[in-house]
Amino acid sequence: MRTFTLKIKDNKTALFLEALIGIIPSIEIEGAKKRVESKLLEELKEAVKEMKEIKAGKRTAQDAEDFLNEL
């Protein structure tokens, strides 16, 4: 087994770890699971915030067809 040390900018860390874990599922990364879970929690909080803004009329909802076309 080998150990590598990488320096990655904070704003790119979660994306890098998600990609790395996706490519090599058996890889062990110290603290990676916690960081990915933290990123997921951030994204869920943002989604709830957006839903509240839509309900309050501060933001318009996206049409489902447009959403699916983006995918």
N, C-alpha and C. Protein backbone atom coordinates (compact mmCIF):
# COMPACT_ATOMS: atom_id res chain seq x y z
N MET A 1 0.85 -1.18 0.00
CA MET A 1 0.00 0.00 0.00
C MET A 1 0.89 1.23 0.00
N ARG A 2 0.45 2.27 -0.70
CA ARG A 2 1.19 3.53 -0.76
C ARG A 2 0.36 4.66 -0.16
N THR A 3 1.04 5.67 0.32
CA THR A 3 0.39 6.84 0.88
C THR A 3 0.81 8.05 0.06
N PHE A 4 -0.18 8.88 -0.30
CA PHE A 4 0.09 10.08 -1.07
C PHE A 4 -0.43 11.29 -0.29
N THR A 5 0.24 12.40 -0.41
CA THR A 5 -0.22 13.65 0.18
C THR A 5 -0.48 14.62 -0.96
N LEU A 6 -1.70 15.14 -1.02
CA LEU A 6 -2.07 16.08 -2.07
C LEU A 6 -2.50 17.39 -1.44
N LYS A 7 -2.15 18.49 -2.07
CA LYS A 7 -2.63 19.80 -1.64
C LYS A 7 -3.66 20.26 -2.66
N ILE A 8 -4.91 20.40 -2.19
CA ILE A 8 -6.03 20.76 -3.06
C ILE A 8 -6.73 21.96 -2.44
N LYS A 9 -7.10 22.93 -3.27
CA LYS A 9 -7.81 24.10 -2.76
C LYS A 9 -9.10 23.67 -2.08
N ASP A 10 -9.45 24.36 -0.99
CA ASP A 10 -10.63 23.99 -0.20
C ASP A 10 -11.90 23.91 -1.03
N ASN A 11 -12.08 24.83 -1.96
CA ASN A 11 -13.32 24.85 -2.73
C ASN A 11 -13.38 23.72 -3.76
N LYS A 12 -12.30 22.99 -3.97
CA LYS A 12 -12.27 21.88 -4.93
C LYS A 12 -12.20 20.52 -4.24
N THR A 13 -12.00 20.49 -2.92
CA THR A 13 -11.78 19.25 -2.21
C THR A 13 -12.94 18.27 -2.32
N ALA A 14 -14.16 18.72 -2.04
CA ALA A 14 -15.31 17.81 -2.05
C ALA A 14 -15.50 17.20 -3.44
N LEU A 15 -15.40 18.02 -4.47
CA LEU A 15 -15.55 17.53 -5.84
C LEU A 15 -14.47 16.50 -6.17
N PHE A 16 -13.24 16.78 -5.78
CA PHE A 16 -12.14 15.86 -6.03
C PHE A 16 -12.37 14.53 -5.32
N LEU A 17 -12.77 14.58 -4.06
CA LEU A 17 -12.98 13.36 -3.30
C LEU A 17 -14.14 12.53 -3.86
N GLU A 18 -15.22 13.19 -4.25
CA GLU A 18 -16.36 12.47 -4.83
C GLU A 18 -15.92 11.76 -6.10
N ALA A 19 -15.16 12.45 -6.94
CA ALA A 19 -14.69 11.86 -8.20
C ALA A 19 -13.74 10.70 -7.92
N LEU A 20 -12.83 10.87 -6.99
CA LEU A 20 -11.86 9.84 -6.67
C LEU A 20 -12.53 8.60 -6.11
N ILE A 21 -13.47 8.78 -5.21
CA ILE A 21 -14.18 7.65 -4.62
C ILE A 21 -15.02 6.96 -5.68
N GLY A 22 -15.58 7.73 -6.61
CA GLY A 22 -16.36 7.14 -7.70
C GLY A 22 -15.52 6.29 -8.63
N ILE A 23 -14.28 6.70 -8.86
CA ILE A 23 -13.39 5.97 -9.76
C ILE A 23 -12.80 4.73 -9.08
N ILE A 24 -12.42 4.89 -7.82
CA ILE A 24 -11.77 3.80 -7.09
C ILE A 24 -12.56 3.57 -5.79
N PRO A 25 -13.63 2.76 -5.85
CA PRO A 25 -14.49 2.59 -4.68
C PRO A 25 -13.79 1.99 -3.46
N SER A 26 -12.71 1.26 -3.64
CA SER A 26 -12.04 0.62 -2.50
C SER A 26 -11.01 1.52 -1.84
N ILE A 27 -10.88 2.75 -2.31
CA ILE A 27 -9.86 3.66 -1.76
C ILE A 27 -10.25 4.11 -0.36
N GLU A 28 -9.26 4.26 0.49
CA GLU A 28 -9.49 4.74 1.85
C GLU A 28 -8.92 6.15 1.95
N ILE A 29 -9.78 7.10 2.32
CA ILE A 29 -9.35 8.49 2.44
C ILE A 29 -9.73 8.98 3.83
N GLU A 30 -8.73 9.39 4.60
CA GLU A 30 -8.99 9.88 5.94
C GLU A 30 -9.92 11.07 5.91
N GLY A 31 -11.03 10.98 6.61
CA GLY A 31 -11.97 12.09 6.71
C GLY A 31 -12.80 12.33 5.46
N ALA A 32 -12.62 11.55 4.41
CA ALA A 32 -13.33 11.80 3.15
C ALA A 32 -14.82 11.63 3.31
N LYS A 33 -15.25 10.59 3.99
CA LYS A 33 -16.68 10.35 4.16
C LYS A 33 -17.33 11.52 4.87
N LYS A 34 -16.67 12.02 5.89
CA LYS A 34 -17.21 13.15 6.65
C LYS A 34 -17.32 14.39 5.76
N ARG A 35 -16.32 14.63 4.91
CA ARG A 35 -16.34 15.79 4.02
C ARG A 35 -17.44 15.67 2.98
N VAL A 36 -17.62 14.48 2.43
CA VAL A 36 -18.65 14.26 1.42
C VAL A 36 -20.03 14.42 2.05
N GLU A 37 -20.21 13.88 3.27
CA GLU A 37 -21.48 14.03 3.97
C GLU A 37 -21.75 15.49 4.28
N SER A 38 -20.71 16.24 4.64
CA SER A 38 -20.85 17.66 4.91
C SER A 38 -21.29 18.41 3.65
N LYS A 39 -20.70 18.07 2.53
CA LYS A 39 -21.06 18.70 1.25
C LYS A 39 -22.52 18.39 0.91
N LEU A 40 -22.92 17.15 1.11
CA LEU A 40 -24.31 16.75 0.84
C LEU A 40 -25.26 17.54 1.73
N LEU A 41 -24.91 17.69 3.00
CA LEU A 41 -25.75 18.45 3.93
C LEU A 41 -25.86 19.90 3.49
N GLU A 42 -24.76 20.49 3.03
CA GLU A 42 -24.78 21.86 2.51
C GLU A 42 -25.74 21.99 1.33
N GLU A 43 -25.66 21.02 0.42
CA GLU A 43 -26.51 21.05 -0.77
C GLU A 43 -27.99 20.89 -0.40
N LEU A 44 -28.27 20.04 0.59
CA LEU A 44 -29.66 19.87 1.04
C LEU A 44 -30.19 21.16 1.68
N LYS A 45 -29.35 21.80 2.47
CA LYS A 45 -29.76 23.07 3.09
C LYS A 45 -30.06 24.11 2.02
N GLU A 46 -29.24 24.17 0.99
CA GLU A 46 -29.46 25.12 -0.11
C GLU A 46 -30.77 24.80 -0.83
N ALA A 47 -31.05 23.52 -1.03
CA ALA A 47 -32.29 23.11 -1.69
C ALA A 47 -33.52 23.53 -0.88
N VAL A 48 -33.45 23.34 0.43
CA VAL A 48 -34.56 23.74 1.31
C VAL A 48 -34.74 25.25 1.26
N LYS A 49 -33.63 25.98 1.28
CA LYS A 49 -33.69 27.44 1.19
C LYS A 49 -34.36 27.88 -0.11
N GLU A 50 -33.99 27.24 -1.22
CA GLU A 50 -34.59 27.57 -2.52
C GLU A 50 -36.09 27.28 -2.52
N MET A 51 -36.49 26.15 -1.93
CA MET A 51 -37.92 25.80 -1.87
C MET A 51 -38.70 26.84 -1.06
N LYS A 52 -38.13 27.29 0.04
CA LYS A 52 -38.78 28.31 0.86
C LYS A 52 -38.94 29.61 0.08
N GLU A 53 -37.91 29.98 -0.69
CA GLU A 53 -37.97 31.19 -1.50
C GLU A 53 -39.04 31.08 -2.59
N ILE A 54 -39.17 29.90 -3.17
CA ILE A 54 -40.20 29.68 -4.19
C ILE A 54 -41.59 29.80 -3.57
N LYS A 55 -41.78 29.18 -2.41
CA LYS A 55 -43.07 29.25 -1.73
C LYS A 55 -43.42 30.68 -1.32
N ALA A 56 -42.40 31.46 -0.96
CA ALA A 56 -42.61 32.84 -0.53
C ALA A 56 -42.77 33.79 -1.72
N GLY A 57 -42.57 33.29 -2.93
CA GLY A 57 -42.71 34.11 -4.12
C GLY A 57 -41.49 34.94 -4.45
N LYS A 58 -40.38 34.69 -3.77
CA LYS A 58 -39.14 35.44 -4.02
C LYS A 58 -38.36 34.87 -5.20
N ARG A 59 -38.76 33.70 -5.63
CA ARG A 59 -38.06 33.01 -6.72
C ARG A 59 -39.09 32.22 -7.50
N THR A 60 -38.85 32.05 -8.80
CA THR A 60 -39.79 31.28 -9.60
C THR A 60 -39.30 29.84 -9.73
N ALA A 61 -40.23 28.92 -9.73
CA ALA A 61 -39.89 27.51 -9.87
C ALA A 61 -39.54 27.20 -11.31
N GLN A 62 -38.68 26.25 -11.49
CA GLN A 62 -38.27 25.83 -12.83
C GLN A 62 -39.28 24.79 -13.33
N ASP A 63 -39.65 24.89 -14.58
CA ASP A 63 -40.54 23.93 -15.22
C ASP A 63 -39.88 22.56 -15.21
N ALA A 64 -40.65 21.51 -14.92
CA ALA A 64 -40.10 20.15 -14.85
C ALA A 64 -39.47 19.73 -16.18
N GLU A 65 -40.09 20.11 -17.28
CA GLU A 65 -39.54 19.75 -18.59
C GLU A 65 -38.18 20.41 -18.80
N ASP A 66 -38.04 21.67 -18.41
CA ASP A 66 -36.75 22.36 -18.52
C ASP A 66 -35.70 21.69 -17.66
N PHE A 67 -36.11 21.32 -16.45
CA PHE A 67 -35.19 20.64 -15.53
C PHE A 67 -34.68 19.34 -16.15
N LEU A 68 -35.59 18.54 -16.68
CA LEU A 68 -35.20 17.26 -17.27
C LEU A 68 -34.34 17.45 -18.52
N ASN A 69 -34.58 18.50 -19.26
CA ASN A 69 -33.76 18.77 -20.44
C ASN A 69 -32.33 19.14 -20.06
N GLU A 70 -32.14 19.73 -18.88
CA GLU A 70 -30.80 20.07 -18.41
C GLU A 70 -29.99 18.82 -18.09
N LEU A 71 -30.69 17.78 -17.68
CA LEU A 71 -29.99 16.53 -17.34
C LEU A 71 -29.48 15.89 -18.59
